[in-house]
Amino acid sequence: MSARSPLDYDISVTADKRRRARTRGLSGEIASEARKCDWSGCSNPGLFRAPKSREELNEYRWFCQAHIRDFNKSWNYYEGWSEAALDSQRRAEFAWERPTWRLGQRPIRPDGAPGHADGRAWARWGFQDPLEVLGENATINPGGAAEAARRRTRLLPKNEQSALEILGCTPDTPKTDIRRRYRALVKDLHPDMKGGAREDEDRLRDVVWAWDQIKGSRSFR
């Protein structure tokens, strides 16, 4: 008997339904011969899962068909909730349980980055985070601000880039602050402030040139 070719595979929807029917019966049924029904006194196979409690939605108990129906009839997620809690939950569901805020009032974390929209959504799918790489910092690029500054620097003309390096400023520095830096350097380097010593004349000349490049530029706020 010849081996079946791996290319001989029916990908139609009908064929997929037939394959699924071999391992699944009613909706929600998961085949397992070893698992027994968790209902007290029942020895039938436990084919249907149900959450252990409202606080343990990802932990399951397993029941047979008859007892999963009994469980579903008695299960009430909102049992014991107050009217205020129910109203709060209904409001949260309008936005898929994500945080909302008024326009212009978006919360900003201390590091300057907006809060993660869906928090621990990854945990709902069973992922664990022992190294804390998926938490609130997951969507934050720690080098983002520095990289953005480098991109802005590359957009400046060469003479303005050199001027910023001489003055010890960045593309984000307001022009008023650059002017203060320039005046402070001139005051510090001028021979009159050094008793006539001229060892910093070259440095002073560079500072004056740098300010000449910046003061007429429209690249700075």
Protein backbone atom coordinates (compact mmCIF):
# COMPACT_ATOMS: atom_id res chain seq x y z
CA MET A 1 0.00 0.00 0.00
CA SER A 2 1.50 3.31 -1.04
CA ALA A 3 2.04 6.01 1.53
CA ARG A 4 -0.37 8.92 1.41
CA SER A 5 1.08 12.06 -0.09
CA PRO A 6 1.35 15.00 2.33
CA LEU A 7 -0.17 17.12 -0.42
CA ASP A 8 -3.31 15.00 -0.39
CA TYR A 9 -5.06 17.06 2.28
CA ASP A 10 -8.57 18.48 2.05
CA ILE A 11 -8.62 22.05 3.39
CA SER A 12 -12.31 22.65 2.77
CA VAL A 13 -14.57 23.82 5.58
CA THR A 14 -16.64 20.64 5.37
CA ALA A 15 -13.57 18.43 5.79
CA ASP A 16 -12.44 20.50 8.77
CA LYS A 17 -15.83 20.04 10.43
CA ARG A 18 -15.58 16.28 9.96
CA ARG A 19 -12.12 16.23 11.56
CA ARG A 20 -13.34 18.22 14.52
CA ALA A 21 -16.34 15.93 14.96
CA ARG A 22 -14.02 13.00 15.63
CA THR A 23 -12.78 14.53 18.89
CA ARG A 24 -15.63 16.79 19.91
CA GLY A 25 -19.29 16.14 20.48
CA LEU A 26 -21.53 18.84 21.85
CA SER A 27 -20.25 22.41 21.96
CA GLY A 28 -17.73 22.71 24.77
CA GLU A 29 -17.05 18.98 25.02
CA ILE A 30 -13.37 18.04 25.33
CA ALA A 31 -12.60 14.34 24.96
CA SER A 32 -10.69 12.72 27.84
CA GLU A 33 -11.13 9.18 29.08
CA ALA A 34 -9.04 9.65 32.22
CA ARG A 35 -10.86 12.70 33.63
CA LYS A 36 -13.92 11.92 35.77
CA CYS A 37 -16.87 14.13 36.56
CA ASP A 38 -16.27 16.31 39.64
CA TRP A 39 -19.90 16.12 40.73
CA SER A 40 -20.14 14.27 44.03
CA GLY A 41 -20.96 10.60 43.50
CA CYS A 42 -20.68 10.71 39.68
CA SER A 43 -18.21 8.44 37.87
CA ASN A 44 -19.00 9.50 34.30
CA PRO A 45 -16.24 11.08 32.17
CA GLY A 46 -15.75 14.78 32.80
CA LEU A 47 -15.99 16.25 29.30
CA PHE A 48 -17.20 19.77 30.05
CA ARG A 49 -15.27 22.38 32.00
CA ALA A 50 -16.62 25.07 34.29
CA PRO A 51 -14.83 27.79 36.31
CA LYS A 52 -14.11 26.98 39.93
CA SER A 53 -15.36 30.34 41.14
CA ARG A 54 -15.79 33.96 40.13
CA GLU A 55 -12.28 34.67 41.41
CA GLU A 56 -10.77 31.64 39.61
CA LEU A 57 -12.13 31.91 36.09
CA ASN A 58 -9.02 30.28 34.63
CA GLU A 59 -9.18 27.29 37.00
CA TYR A 60 -11.68 24.60 36.07
CA ARG A 61 -13.77 21.74 37.34
CA TRP A 62 -14.97 19.06 34.94
CA PHE A 63 -18.47 17.64 34.66
CA CYS A 64 -20.38 15.17 32.57
CA GLN A 65 -23.15 16.37 30.27
CA ALA A 66 -25.93 16.00 32.83
CA HIS A 67 -24.07 17.79 35.64
CA ILE A 68 -22.68 20.62 33.51
CA ARG A 69 -26.32 21.48 32.82
CA ASP A 70 -27.06 21.51 36.55
CA PHE A 71 -24.00 23.66 37.12
CA ASN A 72 -25.01 26.14 34.42
CA LYS A 73 -28.48 26.49 35.90
CA SER A 74 -27.05 27.43 39.31
CA TRP A 75 -24.09 29.52 38.12
CA ASN A 76 -24.55 33.27 38.62
CA TYR A 77 -21.43 35.37 38.16
CA TYR A 78 -23.07 38.44 39.68
CA GLU A 79 -24.45 36.73 42.77
CA GLY A 80 -23.97 38.94 45.84
CA TRP A 81 -23.22 42.11 43.87
CA SER A 82 -24.73 45.38 45.00
CA GLU A 83 -26.66 47.66 42.65
CA ALA A 84 -23.75 50.10 42.66
CA ALA A 85 -21.28 47.37 41.70
CA LEU A 86 -23.55 46.13 38.92
CA ASP A 87 -23.96 49.65 37.57
CA SER A 88 -20.19 50.17 37.63
CA GLN A 89 -19.67 46.88 35.76
CA ARG A 90 -22.24 47.81 33.12
CA ARG A 91 -20.49 51.15 32.54
CA ALA A 92 -17.12 49.40 32.26
CA GLU A 93 -18.50 46.96 29.68
CA PHE A 94 -19.47 49.86 27.41
CA ALA A 95 -15.71 50.36 26.84
CA TRP A 96 -14.76 46.65 26.96
CA GLU A 97 -13.52 47.08 30.56
CA ARG A 98 -10.74 49.42 29.48
CA PRO A 99 -9.93 52.67 31.30
CA THR A 100 -11.53 55.80 29.89
CA TRP A 101 -11.03 59.50 30.50
CA ARG A 102 -12.29 62.84 29.25
CA LEU A 103 -10.65 64.41 26.22
CA GLY A 104 -7.50 66.22 27.32
CA GLN A 105 -7.31 64.37 30.65
CA ARG A 106 -5.46 61.22 29.64
CA PRO A 107 -3.48 59.93 32.64
CA ILE A 108 0.30 60.10 32.30
CA ARG A 109 2.65 57.95 34.35
CA PRO A 110 5.60 59.48 36.23
CA ASP A 111 7.99 58.37 33.46
CA GLY A 112 6.03 60.47 30.99
CA ALA A 113 4.50 57.56 29.07
CA PRO A 114 0.74 57.00 28.72
CA GLY A 115 -0.71 54.09 30.67
CA HIS A 116 -1.02 50.72 28.99
CA ALA A 117 -4.49 50.47 27.49
CA ASP A 118 -5.24 46.90 28.48
CA GLY A 119 -2.97 46.31 31.46
CA ARG A 120 -2.54 42.56 32.06
CA ALA A 121 -4.45 41.36 29.00
CA TRP A 122 -1.68 38.85 28.33
CA ALA A 123 -2.39 37.16 31.67
CA ARG A 124 -5.92 36.27 30.55
CA TRP A 125 -4.45 33.92 27.97
CA GLY A 126 -2.43 31.96 30.49
CA PHE A 127 0.95 33.66 29.97
CA GLN A 128 3.22 34.13 32.97
CA ASP A 129 5.72 36.94 33.44
CA PRO A 130 8.42 35.89 35.95
CA LEU A 131 10.93 38.38 34.49
CA GLU A 132 8.40 41.23 34.44
CA VAL A 133 8.81 42.00 30.77
CA LEU A 134 5.11 41.95 29.87
CA GLY A 135 3.73 44.30 32.53
CA GLU A 136 2.95 47.99 32.30
CA ASN A 137 6.36 48.67 30.76
CA ALA A 138 5.77 46.27 27.88
CA THR A 139 4.84 49.00 25.41
CA ILE A 140 7.45 51.49 26.56
CA ASN A 141 10.67 51.87 24.61
CA PRO A 142 13.24 52.99 27.20
CA GLY A 143 15.36 54.47 24.44
CA GLY A 144 12.45 56.10 22.67
CA ALA A 145 13.10 59.66 23.84
CA ALA A 146 16.81 59.45 23.08
CA GLU A 147 16.15 57.97 19.64
CA ALA A 148 13.61 60.70 18.87
CA ALA A 149 16.19 63.34 19.84
CA ARG A 150 18.75 61.70 17.56
CA ARG A 151 16.28 61.73 14.67
CA ARG A 152 15.60 65.43 15.19
CA THR A 153 19.33 66.11 15.33
CA ARG A 154 19.85 64.38 11.99
CA LEU A 155 17.25 66.69 10.43
CA LEU A 156 19.22 69.81 11.39
CA PRO A 157 21.83 71.34 9.06
CA LYS A 158 25.40 70.36 9.83
CA ASN A 159 26.30 73.83 11.10
CA GLU A 160 23.42 73.79 13.61
CA GLN A 161 24.32 70.28 14.76
CA SER A 162 27.88 71.47 15.42
CA ALA A 163 26.57 74.57 17.18
CA LEU A 164 24.49 72.46 19.57
CA GLU A 165 27.49 70.29 20.40
CA ILE A 166 29.62 73.33 21.15
CA LEU A 167 26.96 74.84 23.42
CA GLY A 168 26.14 71.52 25.07
CA CYS A 169 22.44 71.64 24.13
CA THR A 170 19.93 69.36 22.37
CA PRO A 171 17.36 69.96 19.61
CA ASP A 172 14.66 70.06 22.32
CA THR A 173 16.32 72.91 24.19
CA PRO A 174 14.28 76.14 23.84
CA LYS A 175 16.11 79.00 22.20
CA THR A 176 15.83 81.07 25.38
CA ASP A 177 17.73 78.37 27.29
CA ILE A 178 20.33 78.15 24.53
CA ARG A 179 20.81 81.92 24.83
CA ARG A 180 21.31 81.61 28.59
CA ARG A 181 23.86 78.87 27.99
CA TYR A 182 25.64 81.03 25.43
CA ARG A 183 25.81 84.04 27.79
CA ALA A 184 27.07 81.87 30.65
CA LEU A 185 29.85 80.45 28.47
CA VAL A 186 30.87 83.86 27.17
CA LYS A 187 31.03 85.20 30.69
CA ASP A 188 33.08 82.23 31.82
CA LEU A 189 35.51 82.23 28.86
CA HIS A 190 36.01 85.97 28.21
CA PRO A 191 39.56 87.21 28.97
CA ASP A 192 38.17 90.12 31.02
CA MET A 193 36.75 87.58 33.48
CA LYS A 194 40.12 85.82 33.71
CA GLY A 195 42.33 88.75 34.46
CA GLY A 196 43.36 89.11 30.81
CA ALA A 197 44.31 85.45 30.32
CA ARG A 198 43.66 84.35 26.75
CA GLU A 199 43.99 80.56 26.93
CA ASP A 200 40.25 80.12 26.20
CA GLU A 201 40.06 82.43 23.18
CA ASP A 202 39.62 79.59 20.70
CA ARG A 203 36.84 78.10 22.77
CA LEU A 204 35.19 81.53 23.10
CA ARG A 205 35.40 82.01 19.33
CA ASP A 206 33.62 78.68 18.81
CA VAL A 207 30.87 79.63 21.26
CA VAL A 208 30.25 82.95 19.52
CA TRP A 209 30.14 81.19 16.16
CA ALA A 210 27.72 78.59 17.52
CA TRP A 211 25.30 81.23 18.78
CA ASP A 212 25.41 82.98 15.41
CA GLN A 213 24.15 79.72 13.82
CA ILE A 214 21.35 79.29 16.32
CA LYS A 215 19.98 82.78 16.82
CA GLY A 216 18.70 83.13 13.25
CA SER A 217 17.46 79.56 12.93
CA ARG A 218 13.79 78.57 12.88
CA SER A 219 14.57 75.04 14.01
CA PHE A 220 14.25 75.88 17.71
CA ARG A 221 11.32 76.88 19.83
